[in-house]
Amino acid sequence: MAYNKASMLLSCILLLSFALLISVGESKVSFHKSLKRQPVLVCNKIYGTQAGDTCFSIIQAFHLTTTAFSTINPNLNCDKVFVGEWLCVNGFSI
């Protein structure tokens, strides 16, 4: 009887170890799939904002589209542009 209990315990431990091994392997696969490559921004020209500047006025002054301006300044909050803030006005992302 003791032999059956020991063998049952060993079987359960092996089964749980195998299940843990499978779940760890699966989580690594899904983790790598969820990583998304961040675009690399290249800025060729910057502009320091001045009093009265808005995103719209900068877009017009440098003949940019809204999409292009947003792409090269991805973390910019146009509601909170401050004097002296450096903005990219000529660049691209790869």
Protein backbone atom coordinates (compact mmCIF):
# COMPACT_ATOMS: atom_id res chain seq x y z
CA MET A 1 0.00 0.00 0.00
CA ALA A 2 2.85 2.41 0.83
CA TYR A 3 4.36 1.61 -2.56
CA ASN A 4 1.11 2.64 -4.32
CA LYS A 5 0.95 5.95 -2.42
CA ALA A 6 4.57 6.75 -3.23
CA SER A 7 4.09 5.89 -6.88
CA MET A 8 0.87 7.95 -7.03
CA LEU A 9 2.64 10.92 -5.43
CA LEU A 10 5.56 10.63 -7.85
CA SER A 11 3.15 10.43 -10.80
CA CYS A 12 1.32 13.56 -9.63
CA ILE A 13 4.59 15.45 -9.17
CA LEU A 14 5.77 14.46 -12.64
CA LEU A 15 2.44 15.41 -14.19
CA LEU A 16 2.41 18.82 -12.48
CA SER A 17 6.05 19.43 -13.46
CA PHE A 18 5.23 18.61 -17.07
CA ALA A 19 2.20 20.94 -17.01
CA LEU A 20 4.34 23.72 -15.53
CA LEU A 21 7.01 23.18 -18.18
CA ILE A 22 4.41 23.42 -20.96
CA SER A 23 2.81 26.57 -19.53
CA VAL A 24 6.19 28.32 -19.14
CA GLY A 25 7.11 27.41 -22.71
CA GLU A 26 3.79 28.71 -24.02
CA SER A 27 4.07 31.97 -22.10
CA LYS A 28 7.48 32.68 -23.61
CA VAL A 29 6.17 32.15 -27.12
CA SER A 30 3.21 34.49 -26.60
CA PHE A 31 5.43 37.03 -24.82
CA HIS A 32 7.75 37.33 -27.82
CA LYS A 33 4.82 37.59 -30.21
CA SER A 34 3.39 40.48 -28.21
CA LEU A 35 6.60 42.53 -28.44
CA LYS A 36 6.11 45.19 -31.05
CA ARG A 37 9.04 46.97 -32.61
CA GLN A 38 8.92 50.66 -31.80
CA PRO A 39 9.56 53.00 -34.73
CA VAL A 40 12.87 54.84 -34.76
CA LEU A 41 12.43 58.58 -35.21
CA VAL A 42 15.00 60.58 -37.15
CA CYS A 43 14.79 64.36 -36.77
CA ASN A 44 16.68 66.52 -39.25
CA LYS A 45 15.56 69.93 -37.96
CA ILE A 46 14.23 71.13 -34.61
CA TYR A 47 12.37 74.26 -33.59
CA GLY A 48 12.22 75.87 -30.15
CA THR A 49 8.69 77.10 -29.51
CA GLN A 50 8.09 80.74 -28.74
CA ALA A 51 5.31 82.64 -26.99
CA GLY A 52 2.06 82.31 -28.93
CA ASP A 53 3.08 79.18 -30.85
CA THR A 54 0.52 76.44 -31.26
CA CYS A 55 0.78 73.10 -33.01
CA PHE A 56 -1.37 74.51 -35.80
CA SER A 57 0.83 77.60 -36.30
CA ILE A 58 3.99 75.46 -36.37
CA ILE A 59 2.41 73.03 -38.85
CA GLN A 60 1.53 75.95 -41.13
CA ALA A 61 4.89 77.71 -40.76
CA PHE A 62 6.85 74.62 -41.74
CA HIS A 63 4.36 73.39 -44.38
CA LEU A 64 3.68 70.09 -42.62
CA THR A 65 0.63 67.88 -42.53
CA THR A 66 -0.96 67.11 -39.20
CA THR A 67 -0.11 63.44 -39.65
CA ALA A 68 3.55 64.14 -40.44
CA PHE A 69 3.87 66.51 -37.47
CA SER A 70 2.29 63.98 -35.10
CA THR A 71 4.50 61.19 -36.43
CA ILE A 72 7.75 63.06 -35.79
CA ASN A 73 6.52 64.40 -32.42
CA PRO A 74 4.72 61.34 -30.99
CA ASN A 75 4.73 62.38 -27.31
CA LEU A 76 3.62 65.96 -27.87
CA ASN A 77 0.50 67.21 -26.14
CA CYS A 78 -0.69 70.12 -28.31
CA ASP A 79 -2.81 71.45 -25.44
CA LYS A 80 0.31 71.98 -23.32
CA VAL A 81 2.98 73.39 -25.65
CA PHE A 82 5.37 75.54 -23.62
CA VAL A 83 7.89 78.23 -24.55
CA GLY A 84 11.27 76.70 -25.33
CA GLU A 85 9.93 73.22 -26.04
CA TRP A 86 11.96 71.54 -28.78
CA LEU A 87 9.85 70.13 -31.59
CA CYS A 88 10.90 68.21 -34.66
CA VAL A 89 9.84 70.02 -37.84
CA ASN A 90 11.66 67.90 -40.40
CA GLY A 91 12.15 64.18 -39.98
CA PHE A 92 10.84 60.69 -40.55
CA SER A 93 10.35 57.36 -38.80
CA ILE A 94 11.78 53.98 -39.76
